[in-house]
């Protein structure tokens, strides 16, 4: 890190046009520094992407220096940030699902009412179903309401979210 900072200071001092590129070169691969400015950077693996694209990174930095304009490097780094954000927003399937939610995810097909899900699970007690299955699955993003603006609607149904579908797909592969 000290080498990066020294290189940045040298570039900034000796190439005034590269000041923005130097700042980006120092900050973007440092999610902990940037997360103080915007928490989204704490979750973005920019450093990994830059490492995977080292040749392009140095080529963009070199081209910016050659042109006397940091635009090439700034565009490269913003592309890395955009790629990192896109990859971080891809749903990640985790195995941390309670046994109750796992059962719910297995029986939920298409859009189903509360009664239909409860019957498919063979459960009688409405409040236990709500507390142990429905509320946690909704809160953790495994399922969603078809009418979110009217949670108490008699027409309310539930369906798997992208995360829920991904979990079920992974689960079915293992069988």
Protein backbone atom coordinates (compact mmCIF):
# COMPACT_ATOMS: atom_id res chain seq x y z
CA UNK A 1 0.00 0.00 0.00
CA UNK A 2 2.87 2.38 0.78
CA UNK A 3 4.27 1.74 -2.72
CA UNK A 4 0.87 2.60 -4.20
CA UNK A 5 0.69 5.83 -2.21
CA UNK A 6 4.26 6.78 -3.17
CA UNK A 7 3.55 6.05 -6.84
CA UNK A 8 0.36 8.13 -6.62
CA UNK A 9 2.19 11.04 -5.02
CA UNK A 10 4.92 10.88 -7.68
CA UNK A 11 2.37 10.79 -10.51
CA UNK A 12 0.39 13.64 -8.97
CA UNK A 13 3.48 15.79 -8.40
CA UNK A 14 5.18 15.09 -11.73
CA UNK A 15 2.16 14.84 -13.98
CA UNK A 16 -0.35 17.51 -12.94
CA UNK A 17 -2.85 16.37 -15.58
CA UNK A 18 -2.84 12.92 -13.97
CA UNK A 19 -4.01 14.17 -10.58
CA UNK A 20 -7.47 12.64 -11.00
CA UNK A 21 -6.00 9.40 -12.30
CA UNK A 22 -3.60 9.29 -9.37
CA UNK A 23 -6.39 9.78 -6.87
CA UNK A 24 -8.47 7.07 -8.52
CA UNK A 25 -5.48 4.74 -8.68
CA UNK A 26 -5.01 5.11 -4.95
CA UNK A 27 -8.62 5.06 -3.81
CA UNK A 28 -10.69 2.76 -6.00
CA UNK A 29 -8.83 -0.42 -5.08
CA UNK A 30 -9.26 0.52 -1.40
CA UNK A 31 -12.87 -0.29 -0.49
CA UNK A 32 -12.33 0.45 3.21
CA UNK A 33 -11.26 4.01 2.43
CA UNK A 34 -14.08 4.57 -0.02
CA UNK A 35 -16.71 2.97 2.23
CA UNK A 36 -16.32 5.94 4.59
CA UNK A 37 -17.57 8.08 1.72
CA UNK A 38 -20.25 5.63 0.49
CA UNK A 39 -21.00 2.28 2.22
CA UNK A 40 -21.65 0.54 -1.11
CA UNK A 41 -17.88 0.34 -1.65
CA UNK A 42 -17.43 -1.96 1.37
CA UNK A 43 -19.10 -4.77 -0.58
CA UNK A 44 -17.54 -4.16 -3.98
CA UNK A 45 -14.44 -6.22 -4.88
CA UNK A 46 -12.85 -3.52 -7.05
CA UNK A 47 -9.34 -4.57 -6.04
CA UNK A 48 -9.97 -8.12 -7.28
CA UNK A 49 -11.25 -6.84 -10.61
CA UNK A 50 -8.29 -4.51 -11.03
CA UNK A 51 -5.98 -7.42 -10.22
CA UNK A 52 -7.72 -9.58 -12.84
CA UNK A 53 -7.34 -6.77 -15.40
CA UNK A 54 -3.85 -5.53 -14.48
CA UNK A 55 -2.65 -5.14 -18.06
CA UNK A 56 -5.66 -3.02 -18.97
CA UNK A 57 -5.22 -1.04 -15.74
CA UNK A 58 -1.63 -0.10 -16.55
CA UNK A 59 -2.46 0.46 -20.22
CA UNK A 60 -5.22 2.91 -19.27
CA UNK A 61 -2.91 4.69 -16.82
CA UNK A 62 -0.15 4.86 -19.44
CA UNK A 63 -2.52 6.10 -22.15
CA UNK A 64 -3.87 8.80 -19.82
CA UNK A 65 -0.32 9.94 -19.13
CA UNK A 66 0.56 9.90 -22.83
CA UNK A 67 -2.55 11.93 -23.77
CA UNK A 68 -2.16 14.33 -20.86
CA UNK A 69 -5.77 13.59 -19.97
CA UNK A 70 -7.07 11.29 -17.27
CA UNK A 71 -10.30 10.45 -19.14
CA UNK A 72 -9.04 7.06 -20.40
CA UNK A 73 -8.05 5.96 -16.92
CA UNK A 74 -11.17 7.38 -15.27
CA UNK A 75 -13.36 5.53 -17.80
CA UNK A 76 -11.45 2.29 -17.17
CA UNK A 77 -11.82 2.58 -13.38
CA UNK A 78 -15.49 3.55 -13.59
CA UNK A 79 -16.00 0.49 -15.79
CA UNK A 80 -14.36 -1.64 -13.08
CA UNK A 81 -16.65 -0.11 -10.46
CA UNK A 82 -19.69 -0.68 -12.67
CA UNK A 83 -18.68 -4.30 -13.25
CA UNK A 84 -18.10 -4.83 -9.52
CA UNK A 85 -21.50 -3.36 -8.66
CA UNK A 86 -23.21 -5.56 -11.27
CA UNK A 87 -21.48 -8.66 -9.91
CA UNK A 88 -22.26 -7.74 -6.30
CA UNK A 89 -25.95 -7.40 -7.14
CA UNK A 90 -26.14 -10.89 -8.57
CA UNK A 91 -28.14 -12.90 -6.05
CA UNK A 92 -25.94 -15.07 -3.91
CA UNK A 93 -27.43 -18.35 -2.84
CA UNK A 94 -26.62 -19.19 0.74
CA UNK A 95 -27.26 -22.39 2.65
CA UNK A 96 -28.33 -20.42 5.74
CA UNK A 97 -32.01 -21.20 5.52
CA UNK A 98 -33.96 -22.39 8.54
CA UNK A 99 -35.59 -25.82 8.18
CA UNK A 100 -38.99 -24.11 8.21
CA UNK A 101 -38.10 -21.72 5.39
CA UNK A 102 -36.53 -24.60 3.45
CA UNK A 103 -39.82 -26.51 3.64
CA UNK A 104 -41.77 -23.43 2.57
CA UNK A 105 -39.45 -22.84 -0.41
CA UNK A 106 -39.86 -26.45 -1.47
CA UNK A 107 -43.68 -26.40 -1.51
CA UNK A 108 -44.25 -22.90 -2.91
CA UNK A 109 -45.16 -23.26 -6.59
CA UNK A 110 -46.08 -20.22 -8.64
CA UNK A 111 -48.29 -17.87 -6.65
CA UNK A 112 -50.01 -19.39 -3.62
CA UNK A 113 -52.29 -18.07 -0.89
CA UNK A 114 -51.38 -18.35 2.78
CA UNK A 115 -53.95 -21.13 3.21
CA UNK A 116 -52.58 -23.07 0.24
CA UNK A 117 -49.01 -22.89 1.52
CA UNK A 118 -50.08 -23.82 5.03
CA UNK A 119 -52.05 -26.82 3.70
CA UNK A 120 -49.16 -27.92 1.47
CA UNK A 121 -46.96 -27.93 4.57
CA UNK A 122 -49.58 -29.84 6.57
CA UNK A 123 -49.73 -27.14 9.25
CA UNK A 124 -52.86 -26.31 11.23
CA UNK A 125 -51.90 -23.45 13.56
CA UNK A 126 -52.15 -20.18 11.61
CA UNK A 127 -50.09 -18.00 14.00
CA UNK A 128 -47.22 -20.51 14.25
CA UNK A 129 -47.11 -20.71 10.46
CA UNK A 130 -46.99 -16.93 10.26
CA UNK A 131 -44.24 -16.54 12.89
CA UNK A 132 -42.03 -19.49 11.94
CA UNK A 133 -42.43 -19.61 8.19
CA UNK A 134 -44.07 -16.64 6.51
CA UNK A 135 -42.61 -13.63 8.34
CA UNK A 136 -38.97 -14.87 8.33
CA UNK A 137 -39.16 -15.89 4.65
CA UNK A 138 -40.50 -12.46 3.73
CA UNK A 139 -38.00 -10.61 5.93
CA UNK A 140 -35.02 -12.52 4.50
CA UNK A 141 -36.15 -11.97 0.92
CA UNK A 142 -36.88 -15.63 0.05
CA UNK A 143 -40.51 -14.93 -0.88
CA UNK A 144 -42.53 -11.85 -1.76
CA UNK A 145 -46.15 -10.74 -1.69
CA UNK A 146 -48.07 -10.38 -4.92
CA UNK A 147 -49.84 -7.31 -3.49
CA UNK A 148 -47.18 -5.68 -1.28
CA UNK A 149 -49.20 -2.47 -0.85
CA UNK A 150 -52.03 -4.47 0.76
CA UNK A 151 -50.45 -7.08 3.03
CA UNK A 152 -53.79 -8.00 4.62
CA UNK A 153 -55.72 -8.35 1.38
CA UNK A 154 -57.87 -11.48 1.10
CA UNK A 155 -56.44 -11.80 -2.43
CA UNK A 156 -52.83 -11.79 -1.16
CA UNK A 157 -50.59 -14.51 -2.54
CA UNK A 158 -46.91 -15.30 -2.18
CA UNK A 159 -44.24 -16.30 -4.68
CA UNK A 160 -40.53 -17.07 -4.64
CA UNK A 161 -38.12 -14.19 -5.20
CA UNK A 162 -35.08 -14.54 -7.45
CA UNK A 163 -33.14 -15.52 -4.32
CA UNK A 164 -35.74 -18.14 -3.40
CA UNK A 165 -35.76 -19.60 -6.92
CA UNK A 166 -31.96 -19.74 -6.93
CA UNK A 167 -31.92 -21.52 -3.56
CA UNK A 168 -34.51 -24.07 -4.70
CA UNK A 169 -32.63 -24.63 -7.97
CA UNK A 170 -29.38 -25.29 -6.06
CA UNK A 171 -31.23 -27.56 -3.64
CA UNK A 172 -32.74 -29.59 -6.49
CA UNK A 173 -29.30 -30.08 -8.07
CA UNK A 174 -28.13 -31.78 -4.89
CA UNK A 175 -30.92 -34.36 -5.00
